[in-house]
Amino acid sequence: METRGRRSIEFGAAWFIGGLLVAVVTFGQARGDGVYFVVWVPMFYGVHRIVSGFQLVRKSRELS
């Protein structure tokens, strides 16, 4: 269970960082009045996976 939790944390961090990178890169390319994207869904999904991963790790440690 702890391994699943750690993988969930890593996977969530990857999703969050990926969404953040898309937002930063498109904002940098917008230069003033241009259009940029803030990709909320991957970032929210990443946060969800990180939180659920920490819960799994905590539960695993409580059981042992």
PDB file of N, CA and C in Angstrom:
ATOM      1  N   MET A   1       0.820  -1.187   0.000  1.00  0.00           N
ATOM      2  CA  MET A   1       0.000   0.000   0.000  1.00  0.00           C
ATOM      3  C   MET A   1       0.873   1.263   0.000  1.00  0.00           C
ATOM      4  N   GLU A   2       1.990   1.191   0.723  1.00  0.00           N
ATOM      5  CA  GLU A   2       2.870   2.359   0.746  1.00  0.00           C
ATOM      6  C   GLU A   2       3.485   2.617  -0.629  1.00  0.00           C
ATOM      7  N   THR A   3       3.819   1.554  -1.338  1.00  0.00           N
ATOM      8  CA  THR A   3       4.379   1.712  -2.681  1.00  0.00           C
ATOM      9  C   THR A   3       3.361   2.354  -3.615  1.00  0.00           C
ATOM     10  N   ARG A   4       2.100   1.928  -3.529  1.00  0.00           N
ATOM     11  CA  ARG A   4       1.047   2.539  -4.344  1.00  0.00           C
ATOM     12  C   ARG A   4       0.896   4.022  -4.016  1.00  0.00           C
ATOM     13  N   GLY A   5       0.986   4.354  -2.722  1.00  0.00           N
ATOM     14  CA  GLY A   5       0.888   5.749  -2.307  1.00  0.00           C
ATOM     15  C   GLY A   5       2.028   6.600  -2.856  1.00  0.00           C
ATOM     16  N   ARG A   6       3.230   6.060  -2.781  1.00  0.00           N
ATOM     17  CA  ARG A   6       4.390   6.808  -3.302  1.00  0.00           C
ATOM     18  C   ARG A   6       4.286   7.002  -4.815  1.00  0.00           C
ATOM     19  N   ARG A   7       3.848   5.972  -5.520  1.00  0.00           N
ATOM     20  CA  ARG A   7       3.672   6.108  -6.975  1.00  0.00           C
ATOM     21  C   ARG A   7       2.597   7.125  -7.302  1.00  0.00           C
ATOM     22  N   SER A   8       1.534   7.143  -6.507  1.00  0.00           N
ATOM     23  CA  SER A   8       0.471   8.115  -6.725  1.00  0.00           C
ATOM     24  C   SER A   8       0.985   9.531  -6.518  1.00  0.00           C
ATOM     25  N   ILE A   9       1.831   9.728  -5.510  1.00  0.00           N
ATOM     26  CA  ILE A   9       2.417  11.047  -5.262  1.00  0.00           C
ATOM     27  C   ILE A   9       3.294  11.464  -6.440  1.00  0.00           C
ATOM     28  N   GLU A  10       4.118  10.558  -6.923  1.00  0.00           N
ATOM     29  CA  GLU A  10       4.995  10.873  -8.063  1.00  0.00           C
ATOM     30  C   GLU A  10       4.190  11.166  -9.318  1.00  0.00           C
ATOM     31  N   PHE A  11       3.177  10.348  -9.571  1.00  0.00           N
ATOM     32  CA  PHE A  11       2.328  10.530 -10.748  1.00  0.00           C
ATOM     33  C   PHE A  11       1.580  11.860 -10.663  1.00  0.00           C
ATOM     34  N   GLY A  12       1.068  12.178  -9.484  1.00  0.00           N
ATOM     35  CA  GLY A  12       0.362  13.448  -9.293  1.00  0.00           C
ATOM     36  C   GLY A  12       1.273  14.643  -9.476  1.00  0.00           C
ATOM     37  N   ALA A  13       2.491  14.529  -8.976  1.00  0.00           N
ATOM     38  CA  ALA A  13       3.458  15.625  -9.145  1.00  0.00           C
ATOM     39  C   ALA A  13       3.776  15.838 -10.621  1.00  0.00           C
ATOM     40  N   ALA A  14       3.887  14.753 -11.362  1.00  0.00           N
ATOM     41  CA  ALA A  14       4.159  14.868 -12.802  1.00  0.00           C
ATOM     42  C   ALA A  14       3.009  15.574 -13.515  1.00  0.00           C
ATOM     43  N   TRP A  15       1.759  15.216 -13.187  1.00  0.00           N
ATOM     44  CA  TRP A  15       0.603  15.876 -13.802  1.00  0.00           C
ATOM     45  C   TRP A  15       0.559  17.357 -13.442  1.00  0.00           C
ATOM     46  N   PHE A  16       0.808  17.664 -12.179  1.00  0.00           N
ATOM     47  CA  PHE A  16       0.768  19.056 -11.740  1.00  0.00           C
ATOM     48  C   PHE A  16       1.848  19.882 -12.433  1.00  0.00           C
ATOM     49  N   ILE A  17       3.055  19.360 -12.472  1.00  0.00           N
ATOM     50  CA  ILE A  17       4.167  20.078 -13.100  1.00  0.00           C
ATOM     51  C   ILE A  17       3.926  20.230 -14.599  1.00  0.00           C
ATOM     52  N   GLY A  18       3.382  19.191 -15.231  1.00  0.00           N
ATOM     53  CA  GLY A  18       3.073  19.286 -16.666  1.00  0.00           C
ATOM     54  C   GLY A  18       2.064  20.389 -16.963  1.00  0.00           C
ATOM     55  N   GLY A  19       0.996  20.454 -16.184  1.00  0.00           N
ATOM     56  CA  GLY A  19       0.000  21.515 -16.367  1.00  0.00           C
ATOM     57  C   GLY A  19       0.575  22.885 -16.105  1.00  0.00           C
ATOM     58  N   LEU A  20       1.419  22.979 -15.084  1.00  0.00           N
ATOM     59  CA  LEU A  20       2.056  24.246 -14.761  1.00  0.00           C
ATOM     60  C   LEU A  20       3.008  24.687 -15.876  1.00  0.00           C
ATOM     61  N   LEU A  21       3.742  23.740 -16.443  1.00  0.00           N
ATOM     62  CA  LEU A  21       4.659  24.073 -17.540  1.00  0.00           C
ATOM     63  C   LEU A  21       3.910  24.584 -18.764  1.00  0.00           C
ATOM     64  N   VAL A  22       2.784  23.959 -19.086  1.00  0.00           N
ATOM     65  CA  VAL A  22       1.975  24.438 -20.220  1.00  0.00           C
ATOM     66  C   VAL A  22       1.528  25.875 -19.970  1.00  0.00           C
ATOM     67  N   ALA A  23       1.088  26.165 -18.762  1.00  0.00           N
ATOM     68  CA  ALA A  23       0.649  27.522 -18.434  1.00  0.00           C
ATOM     69  C   ALA A  23       1.800  28.517 -18.528  1.00  0.00           C
ATOM     70  N   VAL A  24       2.952  28.170 -18.001  1.00  0.00           N
ATOM     71  CA  VAL A  24       4.101  29.087 -18.005  1.00  0.00           C
ATOM     72  C   VAL A  24       4.612  29.315 -19.421  1.00  0.00           C
ATOM     73  N   VAL A  25       4.721  28.245 -20.210  1.00  0.00           N
ATOM     74  CA  VAL A  25       5.240  28.383 -21.580  1.00  0.00           C
ATOM     75  C   VAL A  25       4.296  29.213 -22.441  1.00  0.00           C
ATOM     76  N   THR A  26       2.993  28.935 -22.369  1.00  0.00           N
ATOM     77  CA  THR A  26       2.061  29.702 -23.202  1.00  0.00           C
ATOM     78  C   THR A  26       1.957  31.146 -22.720  1.00  0.00           C
ATOM     79  N   PHE A  27       2.101  31.386 -21.421  1.00  0.00           N
ATOM     80  CA  PHE A  27       2.095  32.756 -20.913  1.00  0.00           C
ATOM     81  C   PHE A  27       3.319  33.507 -21.412  1.00  0.00           C
ATOM     82  N   GLY A  28       4.463  32.832 -21.436  1.00  0.00           N
ATOM     83  CA  GLY A  28       5.687  33.456 -21.941  1.00  0.00           C
ATOM     84  C   GLY A  28       5.611  33.770 -23.418  1.00  0.00           C
ATOM     85  N   GLN A  29       4.909  32.942 -24.182  1.00  0.00           N
ATOM     86  CA  GLN A  29       4.774  33.172 -25.613  1.00  0.00           C
ATOM     87  C   GLN A  29       3.713  34.218 -25.936  1.00  0.00           C
ATOM     88  N   ALA A  30       2.811  34.519 -25.007  1.00  0.00           N
ATOM     89  CA  ALA A  30       1.723  35.460 -25.264  1.00  0.00           C
ATOM     90  C   ALA A  30       2.248  36.887 -25.428  1.00  0.00           C
ATOM     91  N   ARG A  31       3.229  37.272 -24.636  1.00  0.00           N
ATOM     92  CA  ARG A  31       3.858  38.599 -24.726  1.00  0.00           C
ATOM     93  C   ARG A  31       2.840  39.736 -24.845  1.00  0.00           C
ATOM     94  N   GLY A  32       2.262  40.096 -23.751  1.00  0.00           N
ATOM     95  CA  GLY A  32       1.342  41.225 -23.753  1.00  0.00           C
ATOM     96  C   GLY A  32      -0.103  40.811 -23.948  1.00  0.00           C
ATOM     97  N   ASP A  33      -0.645  41.136 -25.147  1.00  0.00           N
ATOM     98  CA  ASP A  33      -2.059  40.897 -25.405  1.00  0.00           C
ATOM     99  C   ASP A  33      -2.349  39.529 -25.995  1.00  0.00           C
ATOM    100  N   GLY A  34      -1.386  38.669 -26.083  1.00  0.00           N
ATOM    101  CA  GLY A  34      -1.586  37.357 -26.677  1.00  0.00           C
ATOM    102  C   GLY A  34      -2.468  36.454 -25.828  1.00  0.00           C
ATOM    103  N   VAL A  35      -2.714  35.285 -26.340  1.00  0.00           N
ATOM    104  CA  VAL A  35      -3.551  34.312 -25.647  1.00  0.00           C
ATOM    105  C   VAL A  35      -2.650  33.281 -24.975  1.00  0.00           C
ATOM    106  N   TYR A  36      -2.986  32.956 -23.757  1.00  0.00           N
ATOM    107  CA  TYR A  36      -2.257  31.900 -23.067  1.00  0.00           C
ATOM    108  C   TYR A  36      -3.263  30.983 -22.367  1.00  0.00           C
ATOM    109  N   PHE A  37      -2.820  29.789 -22.059  1.00  0.00           N
ATOM    110  CA  PHE A  37      -3.696  28.785 -21.459  1.00  0.00           C
ATOM    111  C   PHE A  37      -3.238  28.473 -20.045  1.00  0.00           C
ATOM    112  N   VAL A  38      -4.191  28.472 -19.146  1.00  0.00           N
ATOM    113  CA  VAL A  38      -3.936  27.955 -17.809  1.00  0.00           C
ATOM    114  C   VAL A  38      -4.688  26.638 -17.762  1.00  0.00           C
ATOM    115  N   VAL A  39      -3.941  25.569 -17.698  1.00  0.00           N
ATOM    116  CA  VAL A  39      -4.521  24.236 -17.782  1.00  0.00           C
ATOM    117  C   VAL A  39      -4.809  23.764 -16.353  1.00  0.00           C
ATOM    118  N   TRP A  40      -6.057  23.990 -15.923  1.00  0.00           N
ATOM    119  CA  TRP A  40      -6.428  23.684 -14.546  1.00  0.00           C
ATOM    120  C   TRP A  40      -6.628  22.197 -14.300  1.00  0.00           C
ATOM    121  N   VAL A  41      -7.221  21.496 -15.246  1.00  0.00           N
ATOM    122  CA  VAL A  41      -7.599  20.093 -15.003  1.00  0.00           C
ATOM    123  C   VAL A  41      -6.386  19.220 -14.658  1.00  0.00           C
ATOM    124  N   PRO A  42      -5.301  19.265 -15.427  1.00  0.00           N
ATOM    125  CA  PRO A  42      -4.152  18.441 -15.031  1.00  0.00           C
ATOM    126  C   PRO A  42      -3.578  18.835 -13.668  1.00  0.00           C
ATOM    127  N   MET A  43      -3.610  20.120 -13.350  1.00  0.00           N
ATOM    128  CA  MET A  43      -3.084  20.552 -12.060  1.00  0.00           C
ATOM    129  C   MET A  43      -3.985  20.072 -10.919  1.00  0.00           C
ATOM    130  N   PHE A  44      -5.303  20.187 -11.078  1.00  0.00           N
ATOM    131  CA  PHE A  44      -6.224  19.684 -10.055  1.00  0.00           C
ATOM    132  C   PHE A  44      -6.113  18.173  -9.913  1.00  0.00           C
ATOM    133  N   TYR A  45      -5.993  17.468 -11.033  1.00  0.00           N
ATOM    134  CA  TYR A  45      -5.841  16.019 -10.987  1.00  0.00           C
ATOM    135  C   TYR A  45      -4.547  15.647 -10.267  1.00  0.00           C
ATOM    136  N   GLY A  46      -3.494  16.391 -10.531  1.00  0.00           N
ATOM    137  CA  GLY A  46      -2.224  16.144  -9.859  1.00  0.00           C
ATOM    138  C   GLY A  46      -2.327  16.343  -8.362  1.00  0.00           C
ATOM    139  N   VAL A  47      -3.000  17.408  -7.945  1.00  0.00           N
ATOM    140  CA  VAL A  47      -3.180  17.654  -6.513  1.00  0.00           C
ATOM    141  C   VAL A  47      -4.003  16.529  -5.890  1.00  0.00           C
ATOM    142  N   HIS A  48      -5.038  16.092  -6.588  1.00  0.00           N
ATOM    143  CA  HIS A  48      -5.873  14.983  -6.092  1.00  0.00           C
ATOM    144  C   HIS A  48      -5.037  13.724  -5.898  1.00  0.00           C
ATOM    145  N   ARG A  49      -4.204  13.403  -6.884  1.00  0.00           N
ATOM    146  CA  ARG A  49      -3.367  12.199  -6.777  1.00  0.00           C
ATOM    147  C   ARG A  49      -2.340  12.323  -5.652  1.00  0.00           C
ATOM    148  N   ILE A  50      -1.782  13.507  -5.474  1.00  0.00           N
ATOM    149  CA  ILE A  50      -0.805  13.722  -4.409  1.00  0.00           C
ATOM    150  C   ILE A  50      -1.464  13.526  -3.041  1.00  0.00           C
ATOM    151  N   VAL A  51      -2.635  14.128  -2.849  1.00  0.00           N
ATOM    152  CA  VAL A  51      -3.337  14.015  -1.571  1.00  0.00           C
ATOM    153  C   VAL A  51      -3.727  12.563  -1.300  1.00  0.00           C
ATOM    154  N   SER A  52      -4.284  11.890  -2.315  1.00  0.00           N
ATOM    155  CA  SER A  52      -4.676  10.495  -2.109  1.00  0.00           C
ATOM    156  C   SER A  52      -3.448   9.606  -1.872  1.00  0.00           C
ATOM    157  N   GLY A  53      -2.325   9.933  -2.483  1.00  0.00           N
ATOM    158  CA  GLY A  53      -1.092   9.196  -2.243  1.00  0.00           C
ATOM    159  C   GLY A  53      -0.604   9.350  -0.813  1.00  0.00           C
ATOM    160  N   PHE A  54      -0.650  10.581  -0.295  1.00  0.00           N
ATOM    161  CA  PHE A  54      -0.264  10.789   1.093  1.00  0.00           C
ATOM    162  C   PHE A  54      -1.195  10.050   2.050  1.00  0.00           C
ATOM    163  N   GLN A  55      -2.475   9.996   1.722  1.00  0.00           N
ATOM    164  CA  GLN A  55      -3.419   9.257   2.565  1.00  0.00           C
ATOM    165  C   GLN A  55      -3.100   7.765   2.564  1.00  0.00           C
ATOM    166  N   LEU A  56      -2.754   7.222   1.397  1.00  0.00           N
ATOM    167  CA  LEU A  56      -2.384   5.809   1.334  1.00  0.00           C
ATOM    168  C   LEU A  56      -1.123   5.514   2.150  1.00  0.00           C
ATOM    169  N   VAL A  57      -0.139   6.386   2.052  1.00  0.00           N
ATOM    170  CA  VAL A  57       1.100   6.192   2.805  1.00  0.00           C
ATOM    171  C   VAL A  57       0.815   6.258   4.303  1.00  0.00           C
ATOM    172  N   ARG A  58       0.010   7.228   4.709  1.00  0.00           N
ATOM    173  CA  ARG A  58      -0.325   7.373   6.130  1.00  0.00           C
ATOM    174  C   ARG A  58      -1.078   6.146   6.635  1.00  0.00           C
ATOM    175  N   LYS A  59      -2.046   5.662   5.839  1.00  0.00           N
ATOM    176  CA  LYS A  59      -2.820   4.486   6.232  1.00  0.00           C
ATOM    177  C   LYS A  59      -1.917   3.260   6.328  1.00  0.00           C
ATOM    178  N   SER A  60      -0.987   3.129   5.400  1.00  0.00           N
ATOM    179  CA  SER A  60      -0.060   2.012   5.408  1.00  0.00           C
ATOM    180  C   SER A  60       0.802   2.019   6.677  1.00  0.00           C
ATOM    181  N   ARG A  61       1.251   3.188   7.062  1.00  0.00           N
ATOM    182  CA  ARG A  61       2.096   3.285   8.257  1.00  0.00           C
ATOM    183  C   ARG A  61       1.293   3.052   9.538  1.00  0.00           C
ATOM    184  N   GLU A  62       0.010   3.421   9.526  1.00  0.00           N
ATOM    185  CA  GLU A  62      -0.831   3.170  10.701  1.00  0.00           C
ATOM    186  C   GLU A  62      -1.094   1.682  10.869  1.00  0.00           C
ATOM    187  N   LEU A  63      -1.208   0.949   9.775  1.00  0.00           N
ATOM    188  CA  LEU A  63      -1.496  -0.481   9.845  1.00  0.00           C
ATOM    189  C   LEU A  63      -0.284  -1.315  10.259  1.00  0.00           C
ATOM    190  N   SER A  64       0.911  -0.777  10.019  1.00  0.00           N
ATOM    191  CA  SER A  64       2.107  -1.579  10.346  1.00  0.00           C
ATOM    192  C   SER A  64       2.626  -1.317  11.730  1.00  0.00           C
TER     193      SER A  64
END
